[in-house]
Amino acid sequence: MDNASFVARDLAVLWHPCTQMQDHEWLPLVPIRRGAGVWLEDFDGRRYLDAISSWWVNLFGHANARISAAVAAQAARLEHVIFGGFSHEPALLLAERLVALTPPTLRRCFLADNGSSAVEVAIKMSYHYWRNVGVAGKSRLINLSGAYHGETLGALGAGDVGLYRDPYAELLRAPITAPSPDAYDRQPGESAADVAARRLADMQALLERHAHEVCAVIVEPLVQCAGGMRMHHPSYLTGLRALCDRYQVHLIADEIAVGFGRTGTLFACEQAGIAPDFLCLSKGLTGGYLPLAAVLTTDAVYDAFYGDYASQRAFLHSHSYSGNPLGCAAALATLGIFADEPVLLRNRALAAAMARETAPLADHPHVAEVRQTGMILAIELTQDKTTRAPYPWQQRRGLRVYQHALAEGVLLRPLGNVVYFMPPYVIDEDEIALLARVAAAGIDAATA
């Protein structure tokens, strides 16, 4: 089969996510038949460097031998079993491993299906906790401007990206939105830490007015990914933890995209020295193999649900594939790579290469900023470098970068006017240099 025949059959029956399907009348759909390492190959034999880890999930390359073997071995033993009233070894081992890797206050692990589900679990647990301990009225969330936490209604309701949220606004309960500590918004003379301090004052003002009705504050630590790779100083998280303690609200850390080494540490919260009340994990948890999520929480939260049947305190949230053994096996293999190899040390060298290769773009007349946190690097395109005036979204400048890169054998998928790299950790420095060259040429073409 070649690309053309595959695409004709695909477009006859499939509806792809996050896609205006009419675009495919002129924008080619790319069918992939195999992957190896950082490379994907289509049905015509063309290869593409996966610079975005296939929506940020892939850590150690496509068709990774260790993870593939673990999934195959598990499939031969047990593919799935109901997780209510039953259990299995991969889930137990995974929960033990995650509890050991996360802050010591996070002692309980709840397994779900995907990132949106993890966020919903955390929100429901937080609200239900306050109800169970007899504190009435704490039913609202505080989020950050530009936040993204998933696409199911509960998770969407916790977000603040209008592109995703606005069409469903009537179905959602509005959160209380605090200004993001995004360092891009710094005023003349301000540092990223100064922005964090200013935004902590804004958060404190909101909590003073609303803590009585708020169950939790939800944040994406260090990087707000889908909102445009917005980055903030770790001191914001340190201060936020103190505020949540002072005003008696939970802190939910959505590390679905930024966990497992993306920010330079295994978990982003480590850089602030804090432990959230709920830690949401997914995406890289299985190395990009299978949908799985975990929510880590405290004994205090767990104990609030513990009681006899008549108490009706149980947490009844469930999914048919909760604790799926195949996903757990993939996750254990992924964590095994972290344990056995110097992944974070290697990533520091790769992150330095990304910074070095993209440094010339800081002087580009249509680049407002090149920013980086660990293995996430973002390039902000601007209509005017002095005023940082953005290009109108209708011009789809990022799409022009995407098209140019695809023609050059690189998969970049900009977020509006933000071109970003979030590659698998098995990329090498020559491949990073290729990414930077292609991105620079694509930016030239898109802003000409």
Protein backbone atom coordinates (compact mmCIF):
# COMPACT_ATOMS: atom_id res chain seq x y z
CA MET A 1 0.00 0.00 0.00
CA ASP A 2 1.23 3.53 -0.77
CA ASN A 3 0.40 6.82 0.95
CA ALA A 4 -2.28 7.86 -1.52
CA SER A 5 -4.33 4.67 -1.32
CA PHE A 6 -4.06 4.61 2.48
CA VAL A 7 -5.17 8.23 2.81
CA ALA A 8 -8.18 7.71 0.52
CA ARG A 9 -9.40 4.84 2.68
CA ASP A 10 -8.64 6.72 5.92
CA LEU A 11 -10.56 9.86 4.96
CA ALA A 12 -13.55 7.75 4.00
CA VAL A 13 -14.06 6.45 7.54
CA LEU A 14 -11.88 8.16 10.19
CA TRP A 15 -12.38 11.42 12.11
CA HIS A 16 -9.00 12.54 13.52
CA PRO A 17 -8.55 14.44 16.81
CA CYS A 18 -7.70 18.12 17.10
CA THR A 19 -8.16 18.46 13.34
CA GLN A 20 -10.34 20.46 10.98
CA MET A 21 -10.90 17.57 8.59
CA GLN A 22 -11.58 19.88 5.65
CA ASP A 23 -7.91 20.92 5.82
CA HIS A 24 -7.06 17.50 4.43
CA GLU A 25 -8.51 18.53 1.08
CA TRP A 26 -5.22 20.41 0.61
CA LEU A 27 -3.01 19.49 3.60
CA PRO A 28 -1.76 15.92 3.20
CA LEU A 29 -2.52 13.39 5.92
CA VAL A 30 0.66 11.46 6.73
CA PRO A 31 0.15 7.71 7.26
CA ILE A 32 2.87 6.03 9.30
CA ARG A 33 3.67 2.34 8.94
CA ARG A 34 6.60 2.00 11.33
CA GLY A 35 8.83 3.83 13.77
CA ALA A 36 12.36 3.35 15.10
CA GLY A 37 14.03 5.60 17.64
CA VAL A 38 13.24 9.24 16.84
CA TRP A 39 12.20 8.39 13.27
CA LEU A 40 8.82 7.64 11.72
CA GLU A 41 8.37 6.18 8.22
CA ASP A 42 5.37 6.52 5.93
CA PHE A 43 4.03 4.07 3.34
CA ASP A 44 6.10 5.63 0.57
CA GLY A 45 9.31 5.15 2.56
CA ARG A 46 9.79 8.81 3.58
CA ARG A 47 11.16 9.37 7.08
CA TYR A 48 10.27 12.07 9.61
CA LEU A 49 12.15 13.03 12.76
CA ASP A 50 9.58 13.07 15.57
CA ALA A 51 10.47 16.37 17.27
CA ILE A 52 7.32 16.40 19.42
CA SER A 53 7.41 12.84 20.82
CA SER A 54 4.06 12.09 19.17
CA TRP A 55 2.06 14.48 21.36
CA TRP A 56 4.65 14.43 24.15
CA VAL A 57 4.25 10.77 25.09
CA ASN A 58 7.37 9.09 23.72
CA LEU A 59 10.43 9.14 25.96
CA PHE A 60 12.78 6.45 24.70
CA GLY A 61 12.02 6.16 21.01
CA HIS A 62 9.57 4.30 18.84
CA ALA A 63 9.68 0.49 18.93
CA ASN A 64 11.93 0.55 21.98
CA ALA A 65 13.20 -3.01 22.42
CA ARG A 66 12.98 -3.09 26.23
CA ILE A 67 9.45 -1.70 26.47
CA SER A 68 8.21 -3.79 23.54
CA ALA A 69 9.54 -6.97 25.15
CA ALA A 70 7.89 -6.14 28.47
CA VAL A 71 4.50 -5.56 26.85
CA ALA A 72 4.78 -8.75 24.77
CA ALA A 73 5.73 -10.84 27.79
CA GLN A 74 2.85 -9.42 29.81
CA ALA A 75 0.37 -10.04 26.96
CA ALA A 76 1.33 -13.72 27.05
CA ARG A 77 0.54 -13.90 30.80
CA LEU A 78 -2.42 -11.58 31.47
CA GLU A 79 -3.82 -8.92 29.19
CA HIS A 80 -6.45 -7.50 31.56
CA VAL A 81 -8.55 -8.24 34.61
CA ILE A 82 -11.21 -6.26 36.45
CA PHE A 83 -9.47 -3.95 38.92
CA GLY A 84 -12.36 -3.70 41.37
CA GLY A 85 -11.91 -6.42 43.97
CA PHE A 86 -9.01 -7.94 41.99
CA SER A 87 -5.38 -6.96 41.49
CA HIS A 88 -2.23 -8.10 39.69
CA GLU A 89 1.52 -7.86 40.02
CA PRO A 90 2.29 -5.15 37.40
CA ALA A 91 -0.10 -2.71 39.11
CA LEU A 92 1.33 -3.45 42.55
CA LEU A 93 4.92 -3.06 41.38
CA LEU A 94 4.10 0.15 39.53
CA ALA A 95 2.34 1.70 42.52
CA GLU A 96 5.25 0.77 44.79
CA ARG A 97 7.72 2.28 42.33
CA LEU A 98 5.77 5.53 41.93
CA VAL A 99 5.31 5.94 45.68
CA ALA A 100 9.07 5.45 46.10
CA LEU A 101 9.92 8.01 43.39
CA THR A 102 7.54 10.78 44.43
CA PRO A 103 7.60 12.92 47.63
CA PRO A 104 7.21 10.88 50.84
CA THR A 105 3.80 12.39 51.65
CA LEU A 106 2.35 10.84 48.48
CA ARG A 107 1.56 7.36 49.73
CA ARG A 108 -1.46 6.27 47.68
CA CYS A 109 -1.66 5.57 43.94
CA PHE A 110 -4.93 5.55 41.97
CA LEU A 111 -4.65 4.23 38.39
CA ALA A 112 -6.73 5.61 35.53
CA ASP A 113 -6.74 5.57 31.72
CA ASN A 114 -5.30 8.87 30.43
CA GLY A 115 -4.35 12.40 31.38
CA SER A 116 -7.84 13.88 31.31
CA SER A 117 -9.03 11.03 33.51
CA ALA A 118 -6.22 11.68 36.00
CA VAL A 119 -7.26 15.33 36.27
CA GLU A 120 -10.89 14.32 36.78
CA VAL A 121 -9.85 11.86 39.51
CA ALA A 122 -7.89 14.56 41.34
CA ILE A 123 -10.70 17.12 41.08
CA LYS A 124 -13.33 14.64 42.29
CA MET A 125 -11.12 13.39 45.13
CA SER A 126 -10.44 16.92 46.29
CA TYR A 127 -14.09 17.99 46.27
CA HIS A 128 -15.21 14.70 47.82
CA TYR A 129 -12.53 14.90 50.52
CA TRP A 130 -13.90 18.18 51.86
CA ARG A 131 -17.41 16.75 51.75
CA ASN A 132 -16.32 13.64 53.65
CA VAL A 133 -14.58 15.61 56.37
CA GLY A 134 -17.63 17.80 56.88
CA VAL A 135 -16.47 21.06 55.28
CA ALA A 136 -19.34 22.35 53.17
CA GLY A 137 -19.24 24.59 50.11
CA LYS A 138 -15.71 23.90 48.83
CA SER A 139 -16.67 23.01 45.26
CA ARG A 140 -14.72 25.38 43.02
CA LEU A 141 -11.27 25.33 41.44
CA ILE A 142 -8.69 28.03 40.96
CA ASN A 143 -6.70 27.64 37.74
CA LEU A 144 -4.16 29.78 35.89
CA SER A 145 -4.76 31.86 32.80
CA GLY A 146 -3.71 29.86 29.74
CA ALA A 147 -4.14 26.56 31.60
CA TYR A 148 -4.86 23.30 29.80
CA HIS A 149 -5.79 20.14 31.69
CA GLY A 150 -7.51 17.88 29.15
CA GLU A 151 -10.57 17.47 26.96
CA THR A 152 -13.19 15.60 29.00
CA LEU A 153 -15.74 17.97 30.50
CA GLY A 154 -14.34 18.04 34.03
CA ALA A 155 -10.78 18.52 32.81
CA LEU A 156 -11.89 21.03 30.17
CA GLY A 157 -13.69 22.97 32.87
CA ALA A 158 -10.37 23.29 34.72
CA GLY A 159 -8.71 24.82 31.65
CA ASP A 160 -8.44 28.32 30.23
CA VAL A 161 -7.56 27.88 26.53
CA GLY A 162 -10.51 29.34 24.67
CA LEU A 163 -9.89 27.34 21.50
CA TYR A 164 -10.78 24.16 23.37
CA ARG A 165 -13.05 25.49 26.10
CA ASP A 166 -15.29 28.12 24.48
CA PRO A 167 -17.44 25.83 22.28
CA TYR A 168 -18.54 23.92 25.39
CA ALA A 169 -18.75 26.81 27.85
CA GLU A 170 -22.45 26.20 28.60
CA LEU A 171 -21.62 22.67 29.74
CA LEU A 172 -18.83 23.73 32.09
CA ARG A 173 -18.63 25.27 35.53
CA ALA A 174 -16.32 28.25 35.37
CA PRO A 175 -13.23 28.12 37.58
CA ILE A 176 -11.72 31.13 39.31
CA THR A 177 -8.77 32.13 37.14
CA ALA A 178 -5.56 33.57 38.55
CA PRO A 179 -3.02 35.32 36.31
CA SER A 180 -0.32 32.97 35.09
CA PRO A 181 3.23 33.53 36.36
CA ASP A 182 4.36 33.22 32.72
CA ALA A 183 7.80 34.84 32.55
CA TYR A 184 7.10 36.03 28.99
CA ASP A 185 4.88 38.69 30.58
CA ARG A 186 7.71 40.22 32.57
CA GLN A 187 7.85 43.99 32.66
CA PRO A 188 11.02 45.98 31.91
CA GLY A 189 13.59 45.22 34.58
CA GLU A 190 11.67 42.22 35.96
CA SER A 191 13.12 38.73 36.27
CA ALA A 192 11.15 35.50 36.04
CA ALA A 193 11.30 35.31 39.85
CA ASP A 194 9.87 38.85 40.07
CA VAL A 195 6.92 37.82 37.90
CA ALA A 196 6.39 34.80 40.13
CA ALA A 197 6.31 37.01 43.25
CA ARG A 198 3.85 39.41 41.65
CA ARG A 199 1.55 36.62 40.56
CA LEU A 200 1.72 35.00 44.01
CA ALA A 201 0.31 38.23 45.39
CA ASP A 202 -2.55 37.95 42.88
CA MET A 203 -3.17 34.35 43.95
CA GLN A 204 -3.17 35.33 47.62
CA ALA A 205 -5.79 37.99 46.94
CA LEU A 206 -8.02 35.42 45.24
CA LEU A 207 -7.60 32.93 48.07
CA GLU A 208 -8.43 35.56 50.67
CA ARG A 209 -11.77 36.13 48.92
CA HIS A 210 -12.59 32.62 47.77
CA ALA A 211 -10.84 29.96 49.89
CA HIS A 212 -14.12 29.13 51.65
CA GLU A 213 -15.57 27.93 48.32
CA VAL A 214 -12.40 26.47 46.74
CA CYS A 215 -11.43 22.81 47.03
CA ALA A 216 -8.15 23.03 45.08
CA VAL A 217 -5.75 25.07 43.00
CA ILE A 218 -4.64 23.23 39.86
CA VAL A 219 -1.40 24.08 38.03
CA GLU A 220 0.96 22.72 35.40
CA PRO A 221 4.32 22.99 37.16
CA LEU A 222 7.03 25.03 35.37
CA VAL A 223 5.57 24.76 31.84
CA GLN A 224 2.02 25.40 30.63
CA CYS A 225 2.34 23.28 27.54
CA ALA A 226 -0.80 23.45 25.37
CA GLY A 227 -1.22 27.10 26.32
CA GLY A 228 1.89 27.93 24.30
CA MET A 229 4.81 26.46 26.24
CA ARG A 230 4.57 29.24 28.83
CA MET A 231 7.30 28.89 31.45
CA HIS A 232 7.54 30.16 35.02
CA HIS A 233 10.05 30.28 37.86
CA PRO A 234 10.03 27.43 40.43
CA SER A 235 9.60 29.96 43.25
CA TYR A 236 5.97 30.34 42.17
CA LEU A 237 5.32 26.72 43.09
CA THR A 238 7.11 27.10 46.42
CA GLY A 239 4.99 30.10 47.29
CA LEU A 240 1.81 28.49 46.01
CA ARG A 241 2.33 25.46 48.25
CA ALA A 242 2.58 27.80 51.26
CA LEU A 243 -0.56 29.68 50.23
CA CYS A 244 -2.56 26.47 49.78
CA ASP A 245 -1.51 25.38 53.26
CA ARG A 246 -2.39 28.76 54.77
CA TYR A 247 -5.83 28.94 53.18
CA GLN A 248 -6.68 25.24 53.54
CA VAL A 249 -7.10 24.29 49.88
CA HIS A 250 -5.54 21.40 48.03
CA LEU A 251 -2.77 21.76 45.45
CA ILE A 252 -3.16 19.63 42.31
CA ALA A 253 0.02 19.33 40.24
CA ASP A 254 -0.79 18.34 36.66
CA GLU A 255 2.53 16.83 35.56
CA ILE A 256 0.94 14.85 32.74
CA ALA A 257 3.06 16.58 30.10
CA VAL A 258 6.01 17.76 32.20
CA GLY A 259 6.73 14.69 34.32
CA PHE A 260 9.36 12.00 33.76
CA GLY A 261 12.33 14.19 32.95
CA ARG A 262 10.86 16.75 30.56
CA THR A 263 11.84 19.72 32.73
CA GLY A 264 15.29 18.43 33.70
CA THR A 265 14.26 16.64 36.90
CA LEU A 266 12.18 13.49 37.12
CA PHE A 267 9.22 15.57 38.29
CA ALA A 268 8.89 19.33 37.85
CA CYS A 269 7.81 19.90 41.46
CA GLU A 270 11.25 18.75 42.60
CA GLN A 271 12.72 22.05 41.38
CA ALA A 272 10.51 23.91 43.85
CA GLY A 273 11.07 21.45 46.69
CA ILE A 274 7.34 20.88 47.17
CA ALA A 275 4.88 18.03 47.42
CA PRO A 276 1.38 18.58 46.02
CA ASP A 277 -1.71 17.00 47.53
CA PHE A 278 -2.42 15.35 44.18
CA LEU A 279 0.15 14.52 41.51
CA CYS A 280 -1.32 13.66 38.09
CA LEU A 281 0.85 11.57 35.75
CA SER A 282 0.31 10.11 32.27
CA LYS A 283 1.82 10.56 28.76
CA GLY A 284 5.45 9.53 29.32
CA LEU A 285 4.48 7.13 32.09
CA THR A 286 4.37 4.24 29.60
CA GLY A 287 7.09 5.57 27.31
CA GLY A 288 4.43 6.38 24.71
CA TYR A 289 3.17 2.82 24.37
CA LEU A 290 -0.25 2.57 25.99
CA PRO A 291 -2.81 4.83 27.69
CA LEU A 292 -2.32 4.83 31.46
CA ALA A 293 -2.47 7.44 34.19
CA ALA A 294 -1.73 7.63 37.88
CA VAL A 295 -2.85 10.01 40.60
CA LEU A 296 -0.64 10.06 43.68
CA THR A 297 -2.12 11.45 46.88
CA THR A 298 -1.72 11.46 50.64
CA ASP A 299 -2.81 9.17 53.43
CA ALA A 300 -4.96 12.03 54.74
CA VAL A 301 -6.99 12.05 51.52
CA TYR A 302 -7.17 8.24 51.44
CA ASP A 303 -8.30 8.08 55.07
CA ALA A 304 -11.17 10.49 54.41
CA PHE A 305 -12.72 7.84 52.13
CA TYR A 306 -12.00 4.85 54.38
CA GLY A 307 -14.99 3.48 56.27
CA ASP A 308 -17.59 0.78 56.36
CA TYR A 309 -20.03 0.26 53.50
CA ALA A 310 -22.86 2.06 55.31
CA SER A 311 -20.80 5.24 55.56
CA GLN A 312 -21.03 5.70 51.76
CA ARG A 313 -17.63 7.38 51.80
CA ALA A 314 -16.02 5.28 49.04
CA PHE A 315 -14.52 6.80 45.90
CA LEU A 316 -16.52 5.10 43.15
CA HIS A 317 -14.73 6.54 40.11
CA SER A 318 -13.78 3.73 37.73
CA HIS A 319 -12.85 2.81 34.16
CA SER A 320 -13.15 -0.57 32.47
CA TYR A 321 -9.41 -0.61 31.81
CA SER A 322 -8.26 0.80 35.16
CA GLY A 323 -4.90 -0.68 36.11
CA ASN A 324 -4.49 -2.43 32.76
CA PRO A 325 -1.59 -4.93 33.10
CA LEU A 326 -0.16 -4.16 29.66
CA GLY A 327 0.05 -0.45 30.44
CA CYS A 328 1.55 -1.17 33.84
CA ALA A 329 4.16 -3.44 32.25
CA ALA A 330 5.11 -0.68 29.78
CA ALA A 331 5.35 1.80 32.65
CA LEU A 332 7.57 -0.51 34.69
CA ALA A 333 9.90 -0.97 31.72
CA THR A 334 10.00 2.81 31.21
CA LEU A 335 10.85 3.43 34.86
CA GLY A 336 13.41 0.64 34.62
CA ILE A 337 15.27 2.60 31.95
CA PHE A 338 15.40 5.61 34.27
CA ALA A 339 16.74 3.37 37.04
CA ASP A 340 19.38 1.63 34.95
CA GLU A 341 20.64 4.43 32.70
CA PRO A 342 21.84 8.02 33.34
CA VAL A 343 18.82 9.48 31.53
CA LEU A 344 18.67 12.84 33.28
CA LEU A 345 22.42 13.32 32.97
CA ARG A 346 22.27 12.61 29.23
CA ASN A 347 19.30 14.94 28.91
CA ARG A 348 21.31 17.82 30.33
CA ALA A 349 23.77 17.47 27.46
CA LEU A 350 20.94 17.20 24.95
CA ALA A 351 19.20 20.26 26.42
CA ALA A 352 22.46 22.19 26.15
CA ALA A 353 22.71 21.17 22.49
CA MET A 354 19.16 22.38 21.88
CA ALA A 355 20.02 25.73 23.45
CA ARG A 356 23.25 26.02 21.48
CA GLU A 357 21.75 25.15 18.10
CA THR A 358 18.79 27.52 18.47
CA ALA A 359 20.72 30.44 20.01
CA PRO A 360 21.02 32.35 16.68
CA LEU A 361 17.21 32.51 16.48
CA ALA A 362 17.17 34.97 19.40
CA ASP A 363 18.34 37.63 16.89
CA HIS A 364 15.73 36.76 14.27
CA PRO A 365 13.57 39.81 13.45
CA HIS A 366 10.39 37.79 13.93
CA VAL A 367 11.35 35.83 17.06
CA ALA A 368 10.25 37.43 20.32
CA GLU A 369 11.84 34.84 22.59
CA VAL A 370 13.61 31.51 22.68
CA ARG A 371 12.82 29.90 26.06
CA GLN A 372 13.70 26.55 27.52
CA THR A 373 13.03 24.36 30.52
CA GLY A 374 15.00 21.11 30.35
CA MET A 375 14.04 19.11 27.26
CA ILE A 376 11.30 21.58 26.27
CA LEU A 377 12.34 24.47 24.03
CA ALA A 378 9.97 27.04 22.53
CA ILE A 379 10.42 29.74 19.91
CA GLU A 380 7.83 32.54 20.00
CA LEU A 381 7.13 34.09 16.59
CA THR A 382 6.14 37.73 16.52
CA GLN A 383 4.95 40.22 13.97
CA ASP A 384 7.05 42.95 15.59
CA LYS A 385 10.08 42.16 17.72
CA THR A 386 9.98 45.47 19.58
CA THR A 387 6.32 45.42 20.61
CA ARG A 388 6.00 41.60 20.59
CA ALA A 389 2.78 42.01 18.65
CA PRO A 390 1.59 38.52 17.67
CA TYR A 391 0.64 37.45 14.20
CA PRO A 392 -3.14 37.18 13.74
CA TRP A 393 -4.16 33.57 14.37
CA GLN A 394 -6.02 33.50 11.06
CA GLN A 395 -2.69 33.70 9.20
CA ARG A 396 -1.65 30.29 10.56
CA ARG A 397 2.06 31.10 10.51
CA GLY A 398 2.85 28.06 12.60
CA LEU A 399 1.20 25.85 10.01
CA ARG A 400 3.64 27.21 7.42
CA VAL A 401 6.50 26.07 9.66
CA TYR A 402 4.85 22.65 9.96
CA GLN A 403 4.53 22.31 6.18
CA HIS A 404 8.11 23.36 5.55
CA ALA A 405 9.46 21.00 8.21
CA LEU A 406 7.43 18.06 6.92
CA ALA A 407 8.85 18.59 3.45
CA GLU A 408 12.31 18.44 5.03
CA GLY A 409 11.60 15.23 6.94
CA VAL A 410 10.87 16.71 10.39
CA LEU A 411 7.65 16.52 12.39
CA LEU A 412 7.15 19.88 14.08
CA ARG A 413 3.61 20.82 15.15
CA PRO A 414 3.60 24.43 16.37
CA LEU A 415 1.09 25.73 18.90
CA GLY A 416 -0.21 28.77 17.05
CA ASN A 417 2.79 31.09 16.74
CA VAL A 418 4.99 28.98 19.03
CA VAL A 419 7.41 26.52 17.44
CA TYR A 420 8.67 24.02 19.98
CA PHE A 421 10.93 20.99 20.39
CA MET A 422 10.00 18.19 22.81
CA PRO A 423 11.86 15.21 21.33
CA PRO A 424 12.36 11.67 22.63
CA TYR A 425 15.39 11.33 24.88
CA VAL A 426 17.15 9.05 22.39
CA ILE A 427 17.73 11.93 19.97
CA ASP A 428 21.39 12.71 19.30
CA GLU A 429 23.18 16.03 18.81
CA ASP A 430 23.35 15.71 15.01
CA GLU A 431 19.59 15.22 14.92
CA ILE A 432 19.14 18.25 17.19
CA ALA A 433 21.25 20.29 14.75
CA LEU A 434 18.96 19.10 11.93
CA LEU A 435 15.89 20.16 13.94
CA ALA A 436 17.32 23.62 14.50
CA ARG A 437 18.27 24.10 10.82
CA VAL A 438 14.87 23.01 9.60
CA ALA A 439 13.03 25.12 12.19
CA ALA A 440 15.07 28.20 11.33
CA ALA A 441 14.42 27.78 7.62
CA GLY A 442 10.74 27.17 8.32
CA ILE A 443 10.53 30.34 10.42
CA ASP A 444 12.19 32.30 7.61
CA ALA A 445 9.64 30.93 5.15
CA ALA A 446 6.69 31.55 7.46
CA THR A 447 7.63 35.14 8.30
CA ALA A 448 8.88 36.29 4.90
